[in-house]
């Protein structure tokens, strides 16, 4: 078609979008010419209205080279569209439905022509898959333009059966998704149930262990209480042993006893207030296996000497060898308050009243005390002229005449 003149043929870069018809000796066929500018196309197009690249760029609203072919094969059924690109983008779903209808017609024709032979072509299987794929593509978008449904190419009444198929596919897809989710949730619930059962078993074990621990704790508490009682008893026993030890150190076995009383002022105050009215001396004996006796003093007085005198008494106690001794007690008793300056001792003595219960064989730990209720006036005890109390200490001496 291109002229073979002496001049060189045009370079392809010289006419990038198409060649003028003047370069051809014969008039080209219509498929070689642009329907807009009438230039020769670089490649023949089998469209009714072929358009070159230059015209497309200068006027984007120009129909594309393949759009008319597609419209021919699958009729859109709408009015002529000026902005074909925008329409193609906006009506993809509708065009897919049209394509589906066209394919179904092809399938029906194929089935009709080959039904007699009992042969189902592979195309039918592919079409069935294409139906589902196209339906899935059409559903999500809902085909909306500016808030309204895009229905300019296909009315609702034109494809009611197709829409019912699409709706059924949507329902099946939703049901499938829900079943999958339900299966997942069932698995999760099963796992949670196992965890709950495990937790319940652990809680039961913890409760059982807690009960055992509580029983152990209660047993230990009982043991501790018992140990406290034993400790108290041992403390009391130690206290008694300590007193016995002190008394044994101070005990005499010859009938002569020297009693040292310390903290006289405090003990006198306790006697006045009634906190400790009297004091007992350690026990002593008239002989190794003789009578067991002690002294009892009231620093603030007792009986007729209460509040005015120091009262001093003699007490016969129950001893281990009383069965071997003669009764009643009949030995002379002498009391002596020592002057620590060795000037004037206070001395008083008495002989037992053999008819008095105080000198009979004791039936309890000790008999009723007997002695001198007015042994020493309190004024004389505290007088600075005498040293009966020195460094808050006084000394009392008891002598039993065993001859």
Protein backbone atom coordinates (compact mmCIF):
# COMPACT_ATOMS: atom_id res chain seq x y z
CA UNK A 1 0.00 0.00 0.00
CA UNK A 2 2.86 2.42 0.75
CA UNK A 3 4.25 4.38 -2.17
CA UNK A 4 7.73 3.40 -3.38
CA UNK A 5 8.97 6.81 -4.61
CA UNK A 6 12.57 7.89 -4.63
CA UNK A 7 12.14 9.52 -1.26
CA UNK A 8 12.71 7.36 1.77
CA UNK A 9 9.71 5.88 3.55
CA UNK A 10 8.55 7.81 6.66
CA UNK A 11 9.99 6.74 9.98
CA UNK A 12 7.52 5.39 12.54
CA UNK A 13 8.53 8.13 14.98
CA UNK A 14 7.60 10.76 12.38
CA UNK A 15 3.90 9.83 12.61
CA UNK A 16 3.57 8.31 16.06
CA UNK A 17 -0.24 8.18 16.04
CA UNK A 18 -1.00 7.36 12.38
CA UNK A 19 -0.04 8.04 8.77
CA UNK A 20 -1.75 10.44 6.32
CA UNK A 21 -3.56 8.78 3.43
CA UNK A 22 -1.26 10.58 0.97
CA UNK A 23 1.49 8.06 1.63
CA UNK A 24 -0.62 5.28 0.08
CA UNK A 25 -1.00 4.73 -3.71
CA UNK A 26 -4.44 3.13 -3.30
CA UNK A 27 -7.25 4.15 -0.99
CA UNK A 28 -7.03 1.88 2.12
CA UNK A 29 -9.93 -0.14 3.39
CA UNK A 30 -12.08 1.26 6.18
CA UNK A 31 -10.48 -0.93 8.85
CA UNK A 32 -7.13 0.78 8.17
CA UNK A 33 -8.54 4.32 8.63
CA UNK A 34 -9.38 6.28 11.82
CA UNK A 35 -13.08 7.08 11.86
CA UNK A 36 -12.34 10.47 13.39
CA UNK A 37 -9.30 11.99 11.57
CA UNK A 38 -9.21 9.53 8.58
CA UNK A 39 -5.47 8.85 9.08
CA UNK A 40 -4.08 5.39 8.35
CA UNK A 41 -3.84 3.30 11.50
CA UNK A 42 -0.65 1.51 12.40
CA UNK A 43 -2.64 -1.70 12.77
CA UNK A 44 -5.89 -2.73 11.22
CA UNK A 45 -8.86 -2.85 13.61
CA UNK A 46 -11.99 -4.94 13.02
CA UNK A 47 -14.22 -2.31 14.63
CA UNK A 48 -16.96 -0.41 12.86
CA UNK A 49 -15.52 2.87 14.09
CA UNK A 50 -11.77 2.46 14.65
CA UNK A 51 -10.08 5.37 16.42
CA UNK A 52 -6.37 6.20 16.45
CA UNK A 53 -4.38 6.92 19.62
CA UNK A 54 -4.09 10.63 18.85
CA UNK A 55 -7.85 11.11 18.66
CA UNK A 56 -8.29 9.23 21.92
CA UNK A 57 -5.87 11.57 23.71
CA UNK A 58 -7.36 14.73 22.15
CA UNK A 59 -10.94 13.71 22.94
CA UNK A 60 -11.30 11.24 25.82
CA UNK A 61 -15.04 11.05 25.16
CA UNK A 62 -14.38 9.38 21.84
CA UNK A 63 -15.56 5.80 21.73
CA UNK A 64 -12.79 3.31 22.47
CA UNK A 65 -11.61 0.92 19.84
CA UNK A 66 -13.09 -2.11 21.66
CA UNK A 67 -16.20 -0.65 23.24
CA UNK A 68 -18.39 -0.81 20.15
CA UNK A 69 -17.42 -4.40 19.59
CA UNK A 70 -18.39 -5.27 23.14
CA UNK A 71 -21.66 -3.35 22.77
CA UNK A 72 -22.36 -5.20 19.55
CA UNK A 73 -21.79 -8.61 21.09
CA UNK A 74 -23.59 -7.95 24.36
CA UNK A 75 -26.26 -5.30 23.91
CA UNK A 76 -26.51 -2.88 26.81
CA UNK A 77 -30.02 -1.91 25.86
CA UNK A 78 -29.48 1.70 26.91
CA UNK A 79 -29.46 5.00 25.08
CA UNK A 80 -26.21 6.10 23.39
CA UNK A 81 -23.58 6.89 26.03
CA UNK A 82 -21.28 9.87 25.50
CA UNK A 83 -18.84 9.24 28.34
CA UNK A 84 -18.21 5.60 27.66
CA UNK A 85 -15.23 5.25 30.06
CA UNK A 86 -17.18 6.52 33.05
CA UNK A 87 -20.12 4.32 32.12
CA UNK A 88 -17.92 1.24 31.80
CA UNK A 89 -16.45 1.85 35.27
CA UNK A 90 -19.80 2.58 36.91
CA UNK A 91 -21.83 -0.23 35.30
CA UNK A 92 -19.44 -3.16 35.63
CA UNK A 93 -21.95 -5.22 37.56
CA UNK A 94 -24.75 -4.61 35.09
CA UNK A 95 -22.50 -5.49 32.18
CA UNK A 96 -21.51 -8.68 33.96
CA UNK A 97 -25.19 -9.61 34.27
CA UNK A 98 -25.67 -8.95 30.55
CA UNK A 99 -22.63 -11.05 29.80
CA UNK A 100 -24.03 -13.78 32.04
CA UNK A 101 -27.32 -13.72 30.15
CA UNK A 102 -25.47 -13.91 26.85
CA UNK A 103 -23.36 -16.83 28.02
CA UNK A 104 -26.45 -18.63 29.28
CA UNK A 105 -28.02 -18.24 25.84
CA UNK A 106 -24.89 -19.72 24.28
CA UNK A 107 -25.04 -22.57 26.77
CA UNK A 108 -28.69 -23.23 25.94
CA UNK A 109 -27.91 -23.32 22.23
CA UNK A 110 -25.02 -25.71 22.79
CA UNK A 111 -27.16 -27.95 24.98
CA UNK A 112 -29.95 -27.97 22.37
CA UNK A 113 -27.66 -28.86 19.48
CA UNK A 114 -25.79 -31.62 21.35
CA UNK A 115 -28.54 -33.02 23.62
CA UNK A 116 -29.24 -35.77 21.15
CA UNK A 117 -25.71 -37.09 21.46
CA UNK A 118 -25.80 -37.05 25.29
CA UNK A 119 -22.63 -34.97 25.32
CA UNK A 120 -22.17 -32.15 27.82
CA UNK A 121 -19.38 -29.90 26.60
CA UNK A 122 -16.67 -28.62 28.91
CA UNK A 123 -17.95 -25.13 28.05
CA UNK A 124 -21.07 -25.79 30.16
CA UNK A 125 -18.96 -26.58 33.17
CA UNK A 126 -16.95 -23.44 32.64
CA UNK A 127 -20.13 -21.42 32.24
CA UNK A 128 -21.49 -22.72 35.54
CA UNK A 129 -18.31 -21.58 37.25
CA UNK A 130 -18.48 -18.26 35.43
CA UNK A 131 -22.07 -17.72 36.63
CA UNK A 132 -21.06 -18.00 40.25
CA UNK A 133 -17.96 -15.84 39.78
CA UNK A 134 -19.88 -13.13 37.95
CA UNK A 135 -22.66 -13.22 40.56
CA UNK A 136 -20.12 -12.80 43.35
CA UNK A 137 -18.59 -9.86 41.49
CA UNK A 138 -21.94 -8.19 41.02
CA UNK A 139 -23.24 -8.47 44.59
CA UNK A 140 -20.78 -6.53 46.84
CA UNK A 141 -20.88 -3.28 44.94
CA UNK A 142 -24.68 -3.01 44.88
CA UNK A 143 -24.15 -1.03 41.64
CA UNK A 144 -24.61 2.45 43.15
CA UNK A 145 -23.89 5.73 41.43
CA UNK A 146 -24.42 8.96 43.43
CA UNK A 147 -26.47 7.07 46.01
CA UNK A 148 -28.87 5.47 43.51
CA UNK A 149 -28.94 2.05 41.88
CA UNK A 150 -27.39 1.86 38.41
CA UNK A 151 -30.27 0.41 36.43
CA UNK A 152 -29.93 2.34 33.16
CA UNK A 153 -28.85 -0.73 31.18
CA UNK A 154 -30.97 -3.47 32.78
CA UNK A 155 -34.41 -3.10 34.36
CA UNK A 156 -35.51 -5.16 37.32
CA UNK A 157 -38.16 -6.98 35.36
CA UNK A 158 -35.74 -8.00 32.60
CA UNK A 159 -33.78 -10.51 34.67
CA UNK A 160 -35.94 -11.60 37.63
CA UNK A 161 -34.69 -15.16 37.36
CA UNK A 162 -31.08 -14.05 37.35
CA UNK A 163 -31.64 -11.90 40.41
CA UNK A 164 -33.24 -14.81 42.25
CA UNK A 165 -30.22 -16.94 41.38
CA UNK A 166 -27.91 -14.21 42.59
CA UNK A 167 -29.90 -13.80 45.80
CA UNK A 168 -29.82 -17.55 46.35
CA UNK A 169 -26.06 -17.56 45.82
CA UNK A 170 -25.72 -14.68 48.27
CA UNK A 171 -27.79 -16.52 50.84
CA UNK A 172 -25.77 -19.68 50.33
CA UNK A 173 -22.55 -17.73 50.69
CA UNK A 174 -23.80 -16.00 53.86
CA UNK A 175 -24.98 -19.33 55.27
CA UNK A 176 -21.61 -20.88 54.46
CA UNK A 177 -19.79 -18.04 56.19
CA UNK A 178 -22.09 -18.29 59.22
CA UNK A 179 -21.57 -22.05 59.36
CA UNK A 180 -17.81 -21.51 59.27
CA UNK A 181 -18.07 -18.93 62.04
CA UNK A 182 -20.36 -21.24 64.02
CA UNK A 183 -17.83 -24.04 63.66
CA UNK A 184 -15.08 -21.73 64.88
CA UNK A 185 -17.21 -20.59 67.83
CA UNK A 186 -18.09 -24.20 68.66
CA UNK A 187 -14.39 -25.01 68.77
CA UNK A 188 -13.77 -21.99 70.98
CA UNK A 189 -16.63 -22.99 73.30
CA UNK A 190 -15.26 -26.54 73.48
CA UNK A 191 -11.83 -25.23 74.43
CA UNK A 192 -13.37 -22.91 77.02
CA UNK A 193 -15.43 -25.78 78.44
CA UNK A 194 -12.28 -27.84 78.84
CA UNK A 195 -10.57 -24.91 80.56
CA UNK A 196 -13.58 -24.45 82.85
CA UNK A 197 -13.55 -28.15 83.73
CA UNK A 198 -9.82 -27.96 84.42
CA UNK A 199 -10.36 -24.87 86.56
CA UNK A 200 -13.17 -26.60 88.48
CA UNK A 201 -10.93 -29.59 89.15
CA UNK A 202 -8.17 -27.28 90.35
CA UNK A 203 -10.61 -25.36 92.56
CA UNK A 204 -11.91 -28.64 94.02
CA UNK A 205 -8.34 -29.75 94.70
CA UNK A 206 -7.55 -26.38 96.28
CA UNK A 207 -10.63 -26.60 98.50
CA UNK A 208 -9.72 -30.13 99.57
CA UNK A 209 -6.17 -29.04 100.31
CA UNK A 210 -7.51 -25.99 102.14
CA UNK A 211 -9.68 -28.21 104.35
CA UNK A 212 -6.68 -30.40 105.10
CA UNK A 213 -4.60 -27.33 105.90
CA UNK A 214 -7.36 -25.99 108.16
CA UNK A 215 -7.48 -29.30 110.04
CA UNK A 216 -3.71 -29.21 110.43
CA UNK A 217 -3.88 -25.61 111.64
CA UNK A 218 -6.59 -26.46 114.19
CA UNK A 219 -4.52 -29.41 115.42
CA UNK A 220 -1.45 -27.18 115.74
CA UNK A 221 -3.50 -24.57 117.60
CA UNK A 222 -4.65 -27.23 120.07
CA UNK A 223 -1.06 -28.34 120.52
CA UNK A 224 0.04 -24.74 121.07
CA UNK A 225 -2.70 -24.24 123.68
CA UNK A 226 -1.63 -27.44 125.41
CA UNK A 227 1.99 -26.30 125.32
CA UNK A 228 0.93 -22.95 126.82
CA UNK A 229 -0.80 -24.77 129.67
CA UNK A 230 2.22 -26.98 130.21
CA UNK A 231 4.47 -23.95 130.11
CA UNK A 232 2.30 -22.16 132.68
CA UNK A 233 2.39 -25.20 134.92
CA UNK A 234 6.14 -25.45 134.54
CA UNK A 235 6.50 -21.74 135.30
CA UNK A 236 4.45 -22.22 138.46
CA UNK A 237 6.53 -25.25 139.36
CA UNK A 238 9.74 -23.31 138.76
CA UNK A 239 8.43 -20.50 140.93
CA UNK A 240 7.68 -22.96 143.72
CA UNK A 241 11.08 -24.57 143.31
CA UNK A 242 12.73 -21.16 143.44
CA UNK A 243 10.91 -20.30 146.63
CA UNK A 244 11.77 -23.67 148.10
CA UNK A 245 15.39 -23.13 147.16
CA UNK A 246 15.42 -19.70 148.77
CA UNK A 247 13.68 -21.02 151.85
CA UNK A 248 16.03 -24.00 152.07
CA UNK A 249 18.98 -21.65 151.94
CA UNK A 250 17.48 -19.62 154.78
CA UNK A 251 16.19 -22.59 156.75
CA UNK A 252 17.72 -23.38 160.09
CA UNK A 253 17.41 -26.64 162.08
CA UNK A 254 18.37 -25.49 165.59
CA UNK A 255 15.33 -23.42 166.61
CA UNK A 256 17.09 -20.09 165.93
CA UNK A 257 16.01 -18.09 162.90
CA UNK A 258 17.14 -14.66 161.60
CA UNK A 259 14.71 -13.02 159.18
CA UNK A 260 15.93 -10.22 156.90
CA UNK A 261 13.17 -7.98 155.53
CA UNK A 262 14.12 -5.61 152.67
CA UNK A 263 12.18 -2.71 151.07
CA UNK A 264 10.51 -1.97 154.39
CA UNK A 265 9.02 1.38 153.33
CA UNK A 266 7.31 -0.12 150.26
CA UNK A 267 6.02 -3.12 152.18
CA UNK A 268 4.74 -0.87 154.94
CA UNK A 269 2.88 1.17 152.33
CA UNK A 270 1.42 -2.02 150.83
CA UNK A 271 0.24 -3.04 154.30
CA UNK A 272 -1.43 0.34 154.84
CA UNK A 273 -3.22 0.21 151.49
CA UNK A 274 -4.23 -3.42 151.96
CA UNK A 275 -2.31 -4.66 148.95
CA UNK A 276 -0.18 -7.00 151.12
CA UNK A 277 -1.37 -6.88 154.72
CA UNK A 278 1.09 -9.43 156.14
CA UNK A 279 4.35 -11.18 155.29
CA UNK A 280 5.38 -14.80 155.97
CA UNK A 281 8.95 -15.80 156.73
CA UNK A 282 10.62 -18.90 155.32
CA UNK A 283 9.98 -22.04 157.38
CA UNK A 284 12.54 -23.20 159.89
CA UNK A 285 12.78 -26.16 162.31
CA UNK A 286 13.40 -26.71 165.99
CA UNK A 287 15.63 -29.66 165.04
CA UNK A 288 16.56 -31.71 162.00
CA UNK A 289 13.39 -33.74 162.36
CA UNK A 290 11.62 -31.34 164.72
CA UNK A 291 8.67 -28.98 164.56
CA UNK A 292 8.18 -26.92 161.40
CA UNK A 293 7.35 -23.27 162.15
CA UNK A 294 7.48 -19.76 160.63
CA UNK A 295 6.87 -16.09 161.51
CA UNK A 296 4.12 -13.75 160.33
CA UNK A 297 4.46 -9.96 160.57
CA UNK A 298 1.91 -7.15 160.08
CA UNK A 299 3.94 -3.96 159.51
CA UNK A 300 0.81 -1.82 159.94
CA UNK A 301 -0.53 -3.90 162.84
CA UNK A 302 -3.35 -6.38 163.28
CA UNK A 303 -6.21 -6.63 165.78
CA UNK A 304 -5.72 -4.29 168.73
CA UNK A 305 -2.46 -2.99 167.24
CA UNK A 306 -3.78 -2.15 163.78
CA UNK A 307 -2.50 1.21 162.56
CA UNK A 308 -0.40 1.85 165.69
CA UNK A 309 1.94 -1.08 166.21
CA UNK A 310 3.91 -3.73 164.40
CA UNK A 311 2.26 -7.11 165.05
CA UNK A 312 4.46 -10.23 165.12
CA UNK A 313 3.09 -13.79 165.33
CA UNK A 314 4.36 -17.36 165.60
CA UNK A 315 2.89 -20.06 163.30
CA UNK A 316 3.08 -23.84 163.72
CA UNK A 317 3.14 -25.54 160.29
CA UNK A 318 2.38 -29.05 159.14
CA UNK A 319 5.65 -30.99 158.92
CA UNK A 320 6.79 -34.34 157.60
CA UNK A 321 7.59 -35.75 161.02
CA UNK A 322 4.60 -34.50 163.06
CA UNK A 323 3.52 -38.06 163.85
CA UNK A 324 6.72 -38.59 165.82
CA UNK A 325 6.55 -35.36 167.83
CA UNK A 326 4.75 -34.68 171.16
CA UNK A 327 1.65 -32.43 170.98
CA UNK A 328 0.64 -29.74 171.80
CA UNK A 329 3.64 -27.55 171.06
CA UNK A 330 4.99 -26.36 174.43
CA UNK A 331 8.35 -24.64 173.79
CA UNK A 332 9.01 -21.02 174.86
CA UNK A 333 9.26 -18.54 171.95
CA UNK A 334 11.30 -15.31 172.03
CA UNK A 335 11.00 -12.48 169.47
CA UNK A 336 13.80 -9.95 168.96
CA UNK A 337 13.92 -6.85 166.72
CA UNK A 338 17.57 -6.02 166.29
CA UNK A 339 18.90 -2.48 166.65
CA UNK A 340 21.47 -2.32 163.86
CA UNK A 341 23.53 0.04 166.03
CA UNK A 342 23.55 -2.65 168.74
CA UNK A 343 22.13 -0.27 171.36
CA UNK A 344 18.54 -1.25 172.21
CA UNK A 345 17.00 -4.43 170.84
CA UNK A 346 13.25 -4.97 171.18
CA UNK A 347 12.62 -8.31 172.91
CA UNK A 348 9.31 -10.06 173.67
CA UNK A 349 8.61 -13.69 174.67
CA UNK A 350 5.64 -15.94 175.43
CA UNK A 351 4.82 -19.49 176.38
CA UNK A 352 2.28 -21.40 174.32
CA UNK A 353 -1.30 -21.81 175.60
CA UNK A 354 -1.62 -25.56 175.57
CA UNK A 355 -5.38 -25.33 175.15
CA UNK A 356 -5.16 -23.07 172.11
CA UNK A 357 -5.71 -24.58 168.64
CA UNK A 358 -2.69 -22.63 167.46
CA UNK A 359 -0.37 -25.12 169.18
CA UNK A 360 -2.15 -28.40 168.41
CA UNK A 361 -1.01 -30.77 165.67
CA UNK A 362 -1.84 -29.05 162.36
CA UNK A 363 -4.52 -30.58 160.14
CA UNK A 364 -3.92 -28.05 157.33
CA UNK A 365 -0.76 -26.42 156.03
CA UNK A 366 -0.53 -24.15 159.07
CA UNK A 367 -2.38 -23.33 162.29
CA UNK A 368 -3.82 -19.96 163.30
CA UNK A 369 -1.00 -17.54 164.17
CA UNK A 370 -0.42 -16.57 167.80
CA UNK A 371 1.95 -14.02 169.31
CA UNK A 372 2.30 -10.27 170.01
CA UNK A 373 -0.23 -7.93 168.32
CA UNK A 374 1.47 -4.87 169.90
CA UNK A 375 5.07 -5.90 169.40
CA UNK A 376 6.48 -2.43 168.50
CA UNK A 377 4.92 1.04 168.15
CA UNK A 378 5.18 2.37 164.60
CA UNK A 379 6.57 5.68 165.89
CA UNK A 380 9.46 3.87 167.48
CA UNK A 381 10.08 1.81 164.35
CA UNK A 382 10.54 4.97 162.31
CA UNK A 383 12.34 6.99 165.03
CA UNK A 384 15.76 8.40 163.99
CA UNK A 385 17.10 7.69 167.49
CA UNK A 386 17.09 3.97 166.74
CA UNK A 387 18.40 1.95 163.84
CA UNK A 388 15.71 -0.71 163.63
CA UNK A 389 15.35 0.13 159.97
CA UNK A 390 18.59 0.91 158.21
CA UNK A 391 19.01 1.18 154.45
CA UNK A 392 15.32 0.23 154.25
CA UNK A 393 16.07 -3.15 155.89
CA UNK A 394 15.20 -4.64 159.28
CA UNK A 395 16.19 -7.88 161.02
CA UNK A 396 13.93 -10.07 163.18
CA UNK A 397 15.24 -12.95 165.28
CA UNK A 398 13.24 -15.85 166.71
CA UNK A 399 14.62 -18.16 169.37
CA UNK A 400 12.80 -21.37 170.36
CA UNK A 401 13.82 -22.85 173.68
CA UNK A 402 14.14 -26.57 172.98
CA UNK A 403 15.62 -27.49 176.39
